[in-house]
Amino acid sequence: MTEVLRTVRLVLHPVTMRDHGALLTHWTGPLVRRHLFADRTISAGQVTEIIGASERDFATEGFGLWALRPARWTAGIDGAAPGEPLIGVAGLSHHDGPLGHGADVEILYSLEPDRWGQGLAAEASRAVLDYAFGVVGVHRVTAEIDTANPASAELALQLGMRRRREGPAGPDGAACYSADRSRWIGSRRIVDAVL
């Protein structure tokens, strides 16, 4: 299952090897990698592995990572225009839960720094959570947020995620947040974001 999602301003396509160069550039940018990869520069090989894992997750779990591109609305047709730049990534991945409580489904997102502060991460994350809870039927989605990144913590709260109080902060001092399917569906109408 490789679904294309859309919002008012974004088109989200599952990442593929065609996105490799753009992803490598995006994820190795110093402001992006600071919180996403603990300020480590990832290699082209690691990007290939991430894309492969996402493709496998879509095939087996129904979710993975989506490349974010600006939506274009022309002549009644919506979608990303050919050649539109990658402006970020959003998606879901399996992640070891805090305190060894098994695997969680974690939401991930990153944006090009010139797109920060425009509400795009919230827009993309809502589409991903709507898809996770409404289409795939995931029961809980977590977020592990670097405590030095208050903007992402604020975004988690805006999305209705709650800070988990179980045990110490996650690896590397990260704070853990979660959203549950029943609470998400009860608090909002699932929008059909699948093209």
N, C-alpha and C. Protein backbone atom coordinates (compact mmCIF):
# COMPACT_ATOMS: atom_id res chain seq x y z
N MET A 1 0.85 -1.17 0.00
CA MET A 1 0.00 0.00 0.00
C MET A 1 0.90 1.24 0.00
N THR A 2 0.88 1.99 -1.05
CA THR A 2 1.69 3.21 -1.12
C THR A 2 0.76 4.36 -1.47
N GLU A 3 0.18 4.94 -0.47
CA GLU A 3 -0.81 5.99 -0.65
C GLU A 3 -0.17 7.37 -0.79
N VAL A 4 -0.77 8.15 -1.64
CA VAL A 4 -0.42 9.56 -1.77
C VAL A 4 -1.43 10.33 -0.92
N LEU A 5 -0.93 11.21 -0.07
CA LEU A 5 -1.77 12.04 0.78
C LEU A 5 -1.69 13.47 0.29
N ARG A 6 -2.73 14.23 0.57
CA ARG A 6 -2.68 15.65 0.22
C ARG A 6 -3.32 16.47 1.32
N THR A 7 -2.85 17.68 1.44
CA THR A 7 -3.44 18.68 2.32
C THR A 7 -3.70 19.90 1.45
N VAL A 8 -4.13 20.96 2.06
CA VAL A 8 -4.38 22.19 1.29
C VAL A 8 -3.11 22.67 0.61
N ARG A 9 -1.97 22.57 1.30
CA ARG A 9 -0.72 23.13 0.75
C ARG A 9 0.33 22.11 0.37
N LEU A 10 0.09 20.83 0.66
CA LEU A 10 1.14 19.82 0.47
C LEU A 10 0.62 18.59 -0.27
N VAL A 11 1.52 17.95 -0.99
CA VAL A 11 1.29 16.62 -1.52
C VAL A 11 2.36 15.74 -0.90
N LEU A 12 1.93 14.61 -0.34
CA LEU A 12 2.83 13.67 0.34
C LEU A 12 2.88 12.39 -0.48
N HIS A 13 4.04 12.10 -1.06
CA HIS A 13 4.26 10.88 -1.84
C HIS A 13 5.19 9.96 -1.06
N PRO A 14 4.92 8.66 -1.05
CA PRO A 14 5.87 7.75 -0.40
C PRO A 14 7.27 7.94 -0.99
N VAL A 15 8.29 7.97 -0.12
CA VAL A 15 9.65 8.16 -0.60
C VAL A 15 10.07 6.97 -1.45
N THR A 16 10.85 7.27 -2.49
CA THR A 16 11.41 6.24 -3.37
C THR A 16 12.86 6.62 -3.65
N MET A 17 13.54 5.74 -4.36
CA MET A 17 14.92 6.03 -4.74
C MET A 17 15.03 7.28 -5.61
N ARG A 18 13.96 7.67 -6.28
CA ARG A 18 13.99 8.92 -7.06
C ARG A 18 14.20 10.13 -6.15
N ASP A 19 13.87 9.99 -4.86
CA ASP A 19 14.03 11.08 -3.90
C ASP A 19 15.39 11.06 -3.22
N HIS A 20 16.24 10.08 -3.54
CA HIS A 20 17.49 9.86 -2.80
C HIS A 20 18.34 11.13 -2.69
N GLY A 21 18.65 11.76 -3.80
CA GLY A 21 19.52 12.94 -3.77
C GLY A 21 18.92 14.07 -2.95
N ALA A 22 17.62 14.31 -3.12
CA ALA A 22 16.96 15.38 -2.37
C ALA A 22 16.92 15.05 -0.88
N LEU A 23 16.69 13.78 -0.55
CA LEU A 23 16.68 13.38 0.86
C LEU A 23 18.06 13.53 1.50
N LEU A 24 19.09 13.11 0.77
CA LEU A 24 20.45 13.23 1.28
C LEU A 24 20.78 14.70 1.57
N THR A 25 20.45 15.57 0.64
CA THR A 25 20.70 17.00 0.83
C THR A 25 19.90 17.53 2.02
N HIS A 26 18.63 17.17 2.08
CA HIS A 26 17.76 17.63 3.17
C HIS A 26 18.25 17.14 4.53
N TRP A 27 18.48 15.85 4.65
CA TRP A 27 18.82 15.27 5.94
C TRP A 27 20.25 15.58 6.40
N THR A 28 21.11 16.02 5.50
CA THR A 28 22.47 16.38 5.93
C THR A 28 22.61 17.88 6.18
N GLY A 29 21.55 18.64 5.96
CA GLY A 29 21.59 20.07 6.30
C GLY A 29 21.77 20.22 7.80
N PRO A 30 22.64 21.10 8.25
CA PRO A 30 22.97 21.18 9.68
C PRO A 30 21.77 21.48 10.58
N LEU A 31 20.84 22.31 10.14
CA LEU A 31 19.70 22.63 11.00
C LEU A 31 18.70 21.48 11.07
N VAL A 32 18.59 20.70 10.00
CA VAL A 32 17.67 19.56 9.99
C VAL A 32 18.24 18.41 10.81
N ARG A 33 19.50 18.08 10.57
CA ARG A 33 20.07 16.90 11.25
C ARG A 33 20.29 17.14 12.74
N ARG A 34 20.33 18.40 13.17
CA ARG A 34 20.59 18.71 14.58
C ARG A 34 19.63 17.97 15.50
N HIS A 35 18.34 17.93 15.15
CA HIS A 35 17.36 17.27 16.01
C HIS A 35 16.95 15.90 15.48
N LEU A 36 17.04 15.70 14.18
CA LEU A 36 16.56 14.44 13.60
C LEU A 36 17.58 13.32 13.74
N PHE A 37 18.85 13.64 13.58
CA PHE A 37 19.89 12.61 13.64
C PHE A 37 20.93 12.92 14.71
N ALA A 38 20.51 13.63 15.75
CA ALA A 38 21.40 13.98 16.86
C ALA A 38 22.68 14.63 16.36
N ASP A 39 22.54 15.45 15.32
CA ASP A 39 23.63 16.22 14.72
C ASP A 39 24.68 15.36 14.04
N ARG A 40 24.35 14.10 13.73
CA ARG A 40 25.26 13.25 12.98
C ARG A 40 24.94 13.37 11.50
N THR A 41 25.96 13.42 10.67
CA THR A 41 25.76 13.44 9.23
C THR A 41 25.55 12.00 8.77
N ILE A 42 24.46 11.79 8.03
CA ILE A 42 24.21 10.44 7.53
C ILE A 42 24.79 10.32 6.13
N SER A 43 25.07 9.09 5.74
CA SER A 43 25.71 8.81 4.46
C SER A 43 24.66 8.50 3.39
N ALA A 44 25.10 8.49 2.14
CA ALA A 44 24.23 8.09 1.04
C ALA A 44 23.72 6.67 1.25
N GLY A 45 24.57 5.80 1.77
CA GLY A 45 24.16 4.43 2.05
C GLY A 45 23.07 4.35 3.11
N GLN A 46 23.16 5.20 4.12
CA GLN A 46 22.12 5.22 5.15
C GLN A 46 20.79 5.73 4.58
N VAL A 47 20.85 6.70 3.68
CA VAL A 47 19.63 7.18 3.04
C VAL A 47 19.00 6.05 2.23
N THR A 48 19.82 5.29 1.52
CA THR A 48 19.32 4.13 0.77
C THR A 48 18.64 3.15 1.71
N GLU A 49 19.23 2.88 2.87
CA GLU A 49 18.64 1.97 3.85
C GLU A 49 17.31 2.50 4.38
N ILE A 50 17.24 3.80 4.65
CA ILE A 50 16.00 4.41 5.16
C ILE A 50 14.89 4.29 4.11
N ILE A 51 15.22 4.57 2.85
CA ILE A 51 14.23 4.44 1.78
C ILE A 51 13.76 2.99 1.66
N GLY A 52 14.70 2.05 1.69
CA GLY A 52 14.35 0.64 1.61
C GLY A 52 13.45 0.21 2.76
N ALA A 53 13.76 0.66 3.97
CA ALA A 53 12.94 0.31 5.14
C ALA A 53 11.54 0.89 4.99
N SER A 54 11.44 2.11 4.47
CA SER A 54 10.13 2.72 4.27
C SER A 54 9.32 1.96 3.24
N GLU A 55 9.96 1.57 2.14
CA GLU A 55 9.25 0.79 1.12
C GLU A 55 8.78 -0.55 1.68
N ARG A 56 9.61 -1.20 2.50
CA ARG A 56 9.20 -2.46 3.13
C ARG A 56 8.05 -2.23 4.11
N ASP A 57 8.12 -1.14 4.87
CA ASP A 57 7.04 -0.85 5.82
C ASP A 57 5.72 -0.59 5.10
N PHE A 58 5.77 0.14 3.98
CA PHE A 58 4.53 0.36 3.22
C PHE A 58 3.97 -0.98 2.74
N ALA A 59 4.83 -1.86 2.29
CA ALA A 59 4.38 -3.15 1.76
C ALA A 59 3.81 -4.06 2.85
N THR A 60 4.38 -4.00 4.06
CA THR A 60 3.96 -4.93 5.11
C THR A 60 3.05 -4.31 6.17
N GLU A 61 3.24 -3.02 6.45
CA GLU A 61 2.49 -2.38 7.54
C GLU A 61 1.45 -1.37 7.05
N GLY A 62 1.61 -0.90 5.81
CA GLY A 62 0.69 0.10 5.28
C GLY A 62 1.11 1.52 5.56
N PHE A 63 2.30 1.71 6.12
CA PHE A 63 2.79 3.06 6.38
C PHE A 63 4.29 3.12 6.20
N GLY A 64 4.81 4.35 6.11
CA GLY A 64 6.24 4.59 5.93
C GLY A 64 6.49 6.07 5.94
N LEU A 65 7.45 6.51 5.13
CA LEU A 65 7.81 7.92 5.05
C LEU A 65 7.28 8.52 3.75
N TRP A 66 6.81 9.75 3.85
CA TRP A 66 6.32 10.50 2.69
C TRP A 66 7.22 11.71 2.44
N ALA A 67 7.53 11.96 1.17
CA ALA A 67 8.23 13.18 0.76
C ALA A 67 7.19 14.28 0.64
N LEU A 68 7.50 15.45 1.19
CA LEU A 68 6.59 16.59 1.15
C LEU A 68 6.99 17.52 0.01
N ARG A 69 6.01 17.86 -0.80
CA ARG A 69 6.21 18.84 -1.87
C ARG A 69 5.03 19.79 -1.89
N PRO A 70 5.26 21.03 -2.36
CA PRO A 70 4.15 21.98 -2.41
C PRO A 70 3.05 21.49 -3.35
N ALA A 71 1.80 21.68 -2.94
CA ALA A 71 0.65 21.33 -3.79
C ALA A 71 0.43 22.45 -4.79
N ARG A 72 0.03 22.10 -5.96
CA ARG A 72 -0.33 23.07 -6.99
C ARG A 72 -1.74 22.77 -7.44
N TRP A 73 -2.55 23.79 -7.50
CA TRP A 73 -3.94 23.66 -7.90
C TRP A 73 -4.12 24.41 -9.22
N THR A 74 -4.21 23.67 -10.31
CA THR A 74 -4.39 24.30 -11.61
C THR A 74 -5.44 23.54 -12.41
N ALA A 75 -6.31 24.27 -13.06
CA ALA A 75 -7.32 23.70 -13.96
C ALA A 75 -8.07 22.54 -13.30
N GLY A 76 -8.36 22.66 -12.00
CA GLY A 76 -9.11 21.64 -11.31
C GLY A 76 -8.33 20.39 -10.98
N ILE A 77 -7.03 20.37 -11.27
CA ILE A 77 -6.20 19.21 -10.99
C ILE A 77 -5.29 19.58 -9.82
N ASP A 78 -5.26 18.71 -8.83
CA ASP A 78 -4.39 18.99 -7.70
C ASP A 78 -3.27 17.96 -7.64
N GLY A 79 -2.15 18.38 -7.16
CA GLY A 79 -1.00 17.50 -7.03
C GLY A 79 0.26 18.31 -7.04
N ALA A 80 1.38 17.63 -6.94
CA ALA A 80 2.67 18.31 -7.00
C ALA A 80 3.02 18.46 -8.47
N ALA A 81 3.38 19.67 -8.84
CA ALA A 81 3.80 19.89 -10.21
C ALA A 81 5.14 19.20 -10.43
N PRO A 82 5.38 18.71 -11.66
CA PRO A 82 6.68 18.07 -11.93
C PRO A 82 7.83 19.01 -11.57
N GLY A 83 8.81 18.46 -10.92
CA GLY A 83 9.99 19.25 -10.58
C GLY A 83 9.87 20.06 -9.31
N GLU A 84 8.74 19.97 -8.61
CA GLU A 84 8.62 20.71 -7.36
C GLU A 84 9.67 20.18 -6.37
N PRO A 85 10.31 21.08 -5.63
CA PRO A 85 11.36 20.64 -4.71
C PRO A 85 10.81 19.91 -3.50
N LEU A 86 11.61 19.01 -2.97
CA LEU A 86 11.30 18.37 -1.71
C LEU A 86 11.47 19.42 -0.62
N ILE A 87 10.44 19.61 0.20
CA ILE A 87 10.53 20.60 1.27
C ILE A 87 10.55 19.95 2.64
N GLY A 88 10.45 18.63 2.67
CA GLY A 88 10.50 17.94 3.94
C GLY A 88 10.05 16.50 3.83
N VAL A 89 9.91 15.87 4.98
CA VAL A 89 9.52 14.47 5.08
C VAL A 89 8.61 14.34 6.30
N ALA A 90 7.62 13.47 6.19
CA ALA A 90 6.79 13.12 7.34
C ALA A 90 6.42 11.67 7.19
N GLY A 91 6.21 10.99 8.30
CA GLY A 91 5.80 9.60 8.18
C GLY A 91 5.83 8.86 9.49
N LEU A 92 5.73 7.56 9.36
CA LEU A 92 5.66 6.66 10.50
C LEU A 92 6.71 5.58 10.37
N SER A 93 7.25 5.18 11.51
CA SER A 93 8.27 4.13 11.53
C SER A 93 8.14 3.36 12.83
N HIS A 94 8.54 2.10 12.81
CA HIS A 94 8.59 1.34 14.06
C HIS A 94 9.78 1.84 14.88
N HIS A 95 9.60 1.84 16.18
CA HIS A 95 10.61 2.38 17.08
C HIS A 95 10.50 1.60 18.39
N ASP A 96 11.63 1.29 19.00
CA ASP A 96 11.60 0.64 20.31
C ASP A 96 11.00 1.59 21.32
N GLY A 97 9.99 1.12 22.05
CA GLY A 97 9.31 1.94 23.04
C GLY A 97 10.20 2.26 24.22
N PRO A 98 9.83 3.28 25.00
CA PRO A 98 10.62 3.63 26.18
C PRO A 98 10.61 2.51 27.21
N LEU A 99 11.67 2.37 27.91
CA LEU A 99 11.81 1.39 28.98
C LEU A 99 11.60 -0.03 28.49
N GLY A 100 11.88 -0.28 27.22
CA GLY A 100 11.79 -1.62 26.69
C GLY A 100 10.39 -2.17 26.61
N HIS A 101 9.39 -1.31 26.46
CA HIS A 101 7.99 -1.74 26.42
C HIS A 101 7.55 -2.19 25.04
N GLY A 102 8.43 -2.66 24.22
CA GLY A 102 8.05 -3.15 22.89
C GLY A 102 8.11 -2.07 21.84
N ALA A 103 7.71 -2.43 20.64
CA ALA A 103 7.79 -1.51 19.51
C ALA A 103 6.60 -0.58 19.48
N ASP A 104 6.87 0.68 19.23
CA ASP A 104 5.86 1.70 19.01
C ASP A 104 5.87 2.07 17.54
N VAL A 105 4.82 2.73 17.11
CA VAL A 105 4.81 3.38 15.81
C VAL A 105 5.08 4.85 16.11
N GLU A 106 6.17 5.36 15.54
CA GLU A 106 6.61 6.72 15.84
C GLU A 106 6.37 7.62 14.64
N ILE A 107 5.88 8.83 14.89
CA ILE A 107 5.75 9.83 13.84
C ILE A 107 7.06 10.59 13.75
N LEU A 108 7.48 10.84 12.52
CA LEU A 108 8.71 11.57 12.24
C LEU A 108 8.39 12.68 11.25
N TYR A 109 9.09 13.79 11.36
CA TYR A 109 8.92 14.84 10.37
C TYR A 109 10.16 15.73 10.37
N SER A 110 10.40 16.34 9.23
CA SER A 110 11.46 17.32 9.10
C SER A 110 11.08 18.25 7.96
N LEU A 111 11.48 19.50 8.08
CA LEU A 111 11.22 20.50 7.04
C LEU A 111 12.49 21.26 6.72
N GLU A 112 12.56 21.74 5.50
CA GLU A 112 13.64 22.65 5.15
C GLU A 112 13.51 23.89 6.05
N PRO A 113 14.61 24.41 6.56
CA PRO A 113 14.54 25.55 7.48
C PRO A 113 13.79 26.77 6.93
N ASP A 114 13.83 26.99 5.63
CA ASP A 114 13.11 28.16 5.10
C ASP A 114 11.59 27.95 5.11
N ARG A 115 11.14 26.76 5.50
CA ARG A 115 9.70 26.45 5.61
C ARG A 115 9.23 26.38 7.07
N TRP A 116 10.14 26.57 8.01
CA TRP A 116 9.77 26.53 9.43
C TRP A 116 8.84 27.70 9.75
N GLY A 117 7.98 27.50 10.73
CA GLY A 117 7.10 28.57 11.21
C GLY A 117 5.90 28.85 10.32
N GLN A 118 5.64 28.01 9.34
CA GLN A 118 4.51 28.22 8.42
C GLN A 118 3.36 27.26 8.67
N GLY A 119 3.47 26.40 9.67
CA GLY A 119 2.42 25.44 9.97
C GLY A 119 2.44 24.20 9.10
N LEU A 120 3.48 24.04 8.28
CA LEU A 120 3.53 22.89 7.37
C LEU A 120 3.78 21.56 8.09
N ALA A 121 4.59 21.58 9.14
CA ALA A 121 4.82 20.34 9.89
C ALA A 121 3.52 19.87 10.54
N ALA A 122 2.73 20.80 11.07
CA ALA A 122 1.45 20.44 11.67
C ALA A 122 0.50 19.90 10.60
N GLU A 123 0.46 20.55 9.45
CA GLU A 123 -0.42 20.12 8.36
C GLU A 123 -0.06 18.71 7.89
N ALA A 124 1.22 18.47 7.66
CA ALA A 124 1.66 17.14 7.22
C ALA A 124 1.42 16.10 8.31
N SER A 125 1.71 16.45 9.56
CA SER A 125 1.55 15.50 10.66
C SER A 125 0.09 15.13 10.87
N ARG A 126 -0.81 16.08 10.72
CA ARG A 126 -2.24 15.76 10.84
C ARG A 126 -2.66 14.77 9.76
N ALA A 127 -2.19 14.99 8.53
CA ALA A 127 -2.53 14.06 7.45
C ALA A 127 -1.99 12.66 7.75
N VAL A 128 -0.77 12.59 8.26
CA VAL A 128 -0.16 11.30 8.59
C VAL A 128 -0.92 10.63 9.73
N LEU A 129 -1.29 11.38 10.77
CA LEU A 129 -2.04 10.79 11.88
C LEU A 129 -3.44 10.38 11.45
N ASP A 130 -4.11 11.19 10.62
CA ASP A 130 -5.42 10.79 10.08
C ASP A 130 -5.29 9.46 9.35
N TYR A 131 -4.26 9.33 8.55
CA TYR A 131 -4.02 8.10 7.79
C TYR A 131 -3.73 6.93 8.74
N ALA A 132 -2.85 7.16 9.71
CA ALA A 132 -2.46 6.10 10.64
C ALA A 132 -3.67 5.57 11.41
N PHE A 133 -4.47 6.47 11.94
CA PHE A 133 -5.59 6.06 12.78
C PHE A 133 -6.82 5.67 11.96
N GLY A 134 -7.08 6.39 10.87
CA GLY A 134 -8.31 6.17 10.12
C GLY A 134 -8.22 5.14 9.02
N VAL A 135 -7.06 4.98 8.41
CA VAL A 135 -6.90 4.05 7.29
C VAL A 135 -6.21 2.77 7.74
N VAL A 136 -5.06 2.91 8.38
CA VAL A 136 -4.29 1.74 8.79
C VAL A 136 -4.84 1.12 10.07
N GLY A 137 -5.40 1.95 10.96
CA GLY A 137 -5.94 1.43 12.20
C GLY A 137 -4.93 1.27 13.32
N VAL A 138 -3.85 2.02 13.26
CA VAL A 138 -2.84 2.00 14.33
C VAL A 138 -3.51 2.43 15.63
N HIS A 139 -3.15 1.82 16.74
CA HIS A 139 -3.77 2.13 18.04
C HIS A 139 -3.09 3.29 18.77
N ARG A 140 -1.77 3.42 18.60
CA ARG A 140 -1.05 4.48 19.28
C ARG A 140 0.12 4.92 18.41
N VAL A 141 0.36 6.22 18.39
CA VAL A 141 1.51 6.79 17.70
C VAL A 141 2.30 7.60 18.71
N THR A 142 3.61 7.42 18.72
CA THR A 142 4.46 8.13 19.66
C THR A 142 5.35 9.13 18.92
N ALA A 143 5.92 10.02 19.69
CA ALA A 143 6.92 10.96 19.17
C ALA A 143 8.01 11.07 20.22
N GLU A 144 9.24 10.90 19.80
CA GLU A 144 10.39 11.07 20.68
C GLU A 144 11.04 12.38 20.28
N ILE A 145 10.98 13.37 21.16
CA ILE A 145 11.38 14.73 20.80
C ILE A 145 12.56 15.18 21.65
N ASP A 146 13.58 15.67 20.96
CA ASP A 146 14.76 16.23 21.60
C ASP A 146 14.31 17.38 22.50
N THR A 147 14.68 17.34 23.78
CA THR A 147 14.25 18.38 24.71
C THR A 147 14.80 19.75 24.34
N ALA A 148 15.81 19.80 23.50
CA ALA A 148 16.35 21.08 23.03
C ALA A 148 15.57 21.61 21.82
N ASN A 149 14.44 20.97 21.49
CA ASN A 149 13.64 21.36 20.34
C ASN A 149 12.21 21.70 20.81
N PRO A 150 12.03 22.86 21.44
CA PRO A 150 10.71 23.20 21.98
C PRO A 150 9.63 23.36 20.90
N ALA A 151 10.01 23.70 19.68
CA ALA A 151 9.02 23.84 18.61
C ALA A 151 8.35 22.50 18.31
N SER A 152 9.13 21.42 18.31
CA SER A 152 8.53 20.10 18.06
C SER A 152 7.68 19.65 19.24
N ALA A 153 8.09 19.98 20.45
CA ALA A 153 7.27 19.64 21.61
C ALA A 153 5.94 20.38 21.55
N GLU A 154 5.97 21.64 21.17
CA GLU A 154 4.74 22.42 21.01
C GLU A 154 3.86 21.83 19.92
N LEU A 155 4.47 21.39 18.82
CA LEU A 155 3.71 20.78 17.74
C LEU A 155 3.01 19.50 18.24
N ALA A 156 3.72 18.67 19.00
CA ALA A 156 3.11 17.45 19.54
C ALA A 156 1.88 17.79 20.37
N LEU A 157 1.97 18.82 21.18
CA LEU A 157 0.82 19.23 22.00
C LEU A 157 -0.31 19.77 21.13
N GLN A 158 0.01 20.55 20.09
CA GLN A 158 -1.01 21.05 19.17
C GLN A 158 -1.74 19.91 18.47
N LEU A 159 -1.03 18.82 18.21
CA LEU A 159 -1.62 17.66 17.57
C LEU A 159 -2.47 16.83 18.52
N GLY A 160 -2.47 17.20 19.79
CA GLY A 160 -3.25 16.45 20.78
C GLY A 160 -2.48 15.32 21.42
N MET A 161 -1.18 15.28 21.18
CA MET A 161 -0.36 14.25 21.82
C MET A 161 -0.14 14.66 23.28
N ARG A 162 0.05 13.67 24.11
CA ARG A 162 0.30 13.92 25.52
C ARG A 162 1.69 13.45 25.88
N ARG A 163 2.33 14.21 26.75
CA ARG A 163 3.65 13.80 27.23
C ARG A 163 3.47 12.58 28.11
N ARG A 164 4.26 11.57 27.85
CA ARG A 164 4.19 10.33 28.62
C ARG A 164 5.01 10.50 29.89
N ARG A 165 4.43 10.14 30.98
CA ARG A 165 5.09 10.34 32.27
C ARG A 165 5.74 9.07 32.80
N GLU A 166 5.73 8.03 32.01
CA GLU A 166 6.30 6.77 32.49
C GLU A 166 7.81 6.79 32.42
N GLY A 167 8.42 6.73 33.56
CA GLY A 167 9.87 6.60 33.62
C GLY A 167 10.62 7.84 33.18
N PRO A 168 11.93 7.71 33.04
CA PRO A 168 12.78 8.83 32.66
C PRO A 168 12.60 9.19 31.20
N ALA A 169 13.18 10.29 30.82
CA ALA A 169 13.15 10.71 29.42
C ALA A 169 13.79 9.62 28.56
N GLY A 170 13.46 9.64 27.29
CA GLY A 170 13.96 8.63 26.37
C GLY A 170 15.45 8.75 26.14
N PRO A 171 15.94 8.00 25.15
CA PRO A 171 17.37 8.03 24.83
C PRO A 171 17.83 9.46 24.54
N ASP A 172 19.03 9.75 24.94
CA ASP A 172 19.63 11.06 24.69
C ASP A 172 18.81 12.20 25.28
N GLY A 173 18.04 11.93 26.33
CA GLY A 173 17.29 12.99 26.99
C GLY A 173 16.03 13.39 26.24
N ALA A 174 15.56 12.59 25.31
CA ALA A 174 14.37 12.93 24.55
C ALA A 174 13.12 12.75 25.41
N ALA A 175 12.13 13.60 25.15
CA ALA A 175 10.83 13.48 25.80
C ALA A 175 9.92 12.64 24.92
N CYS A 176 9.08 11.83 25.53
CA CYS A 176 8.18 10.95 24.77
C CYS A 176 6.75 11.46 24.86
N TYR A 177 6.09 11.52 23.71
CA TYR A 177 4.70 11.95 23.60
C TYR A 177 3.94 10.84 22.89
N SER A 178 2.61 10.79 23.08
CA SER A 178 1.82 9.80 22.36
C SER A 178 0.41 10.30 22.08
N ALA A 179 -0.16 9.75 21.04
CA ALA A 179 -1.56 9.99 20.69
C ALA A 179 -2.21 8.62 20.51
N ASP A 180 -3.40 8.46 21.04
CA ASP A 180 -4.14 7.21 20.94
C ASP A 180 -5.27 7.34 19.92
N ARG A 181 -5.52 6.25 19.22
CA ARG A 181 -6.52 6.22 18.16
C ARG A 181 -7.89 6.66 18.68
N SER A 182 -8.35 6.11 19.79
CA SER A 182 -9.69 6.43 20.28
C SER A 182 -9.83 7.91 20.60
N ARG A 183 -8.81 8.48 21.18
CA ARG A 183 -8.86 9.91 21.53
C ARG A 183 -8.79 10.76 20.26
N TRP A 184 -7.95 10.36 19.30
CA TRP A 184 -7.81 11.10 18.05
C TRP A 184 -9.13 11.11 17.28
N ILE A 185 -9.72 9.93 17.13
CA ILE A 185 -10.96 9.83 16.37
C ILE A 185 -12.09 10.55 17.11
N GLY A 186 -12.09 10.47 18.43
CA GLY A 186 -13.12 11.15 19.21
C GLY A 186 -13.01 12.65 19.19
N SER A 187 -11.82 13.17 18.91
CA SER A 187 -11.61 14.62 18.97
C SER A 187 -11.72 15.30 17.62
N ARG A 188 -11.75 14.52 16.54
CA ARG A 188 -11.81 15.14 15.22
C ARG A 188 -12.37 14.15 14.20
N ARG A 189 -12.90 14.69 13.15
CA ARG A 189 -13.39 13.86 12.07
C ARG A 189 -12.21 13.51 11.18
N ILE A 190 -12.05 12.24 10.89
CA ILE A 190 -10.97 11.80 10.01
C ILE A 190 -11.25 12.36 8.61
N VAL A 191 -10.28 13.04 8.07
CA VAL A 191 -10.41 13.62 6.74
C VAL A 191 -9.89 12.62 5.73
N ASP A 192 -10.59 12.45 4.63
CA ASP A 192 -10.13 11.55 3.60
C ASP A 192 -8.98 12.24 2.88
N ALA A 193 -7.76 11.92 3.30
CA ALA A 193 -6.58 12.57 2.75
C ALA A 193 -5.89 11.71 1.70
N VAL A 194 -6.48 10.59 1.35
CA VAL A 194 -5.86 9.69 0.39
C VAL A 194 -6.38 10.02 -0.99
N LEU A 195 -5.45 10.23 -1.94
CA LEU A 195 -5.87 10.50 -3.33
C LEU A 195 -6.31 9.23 -4.00
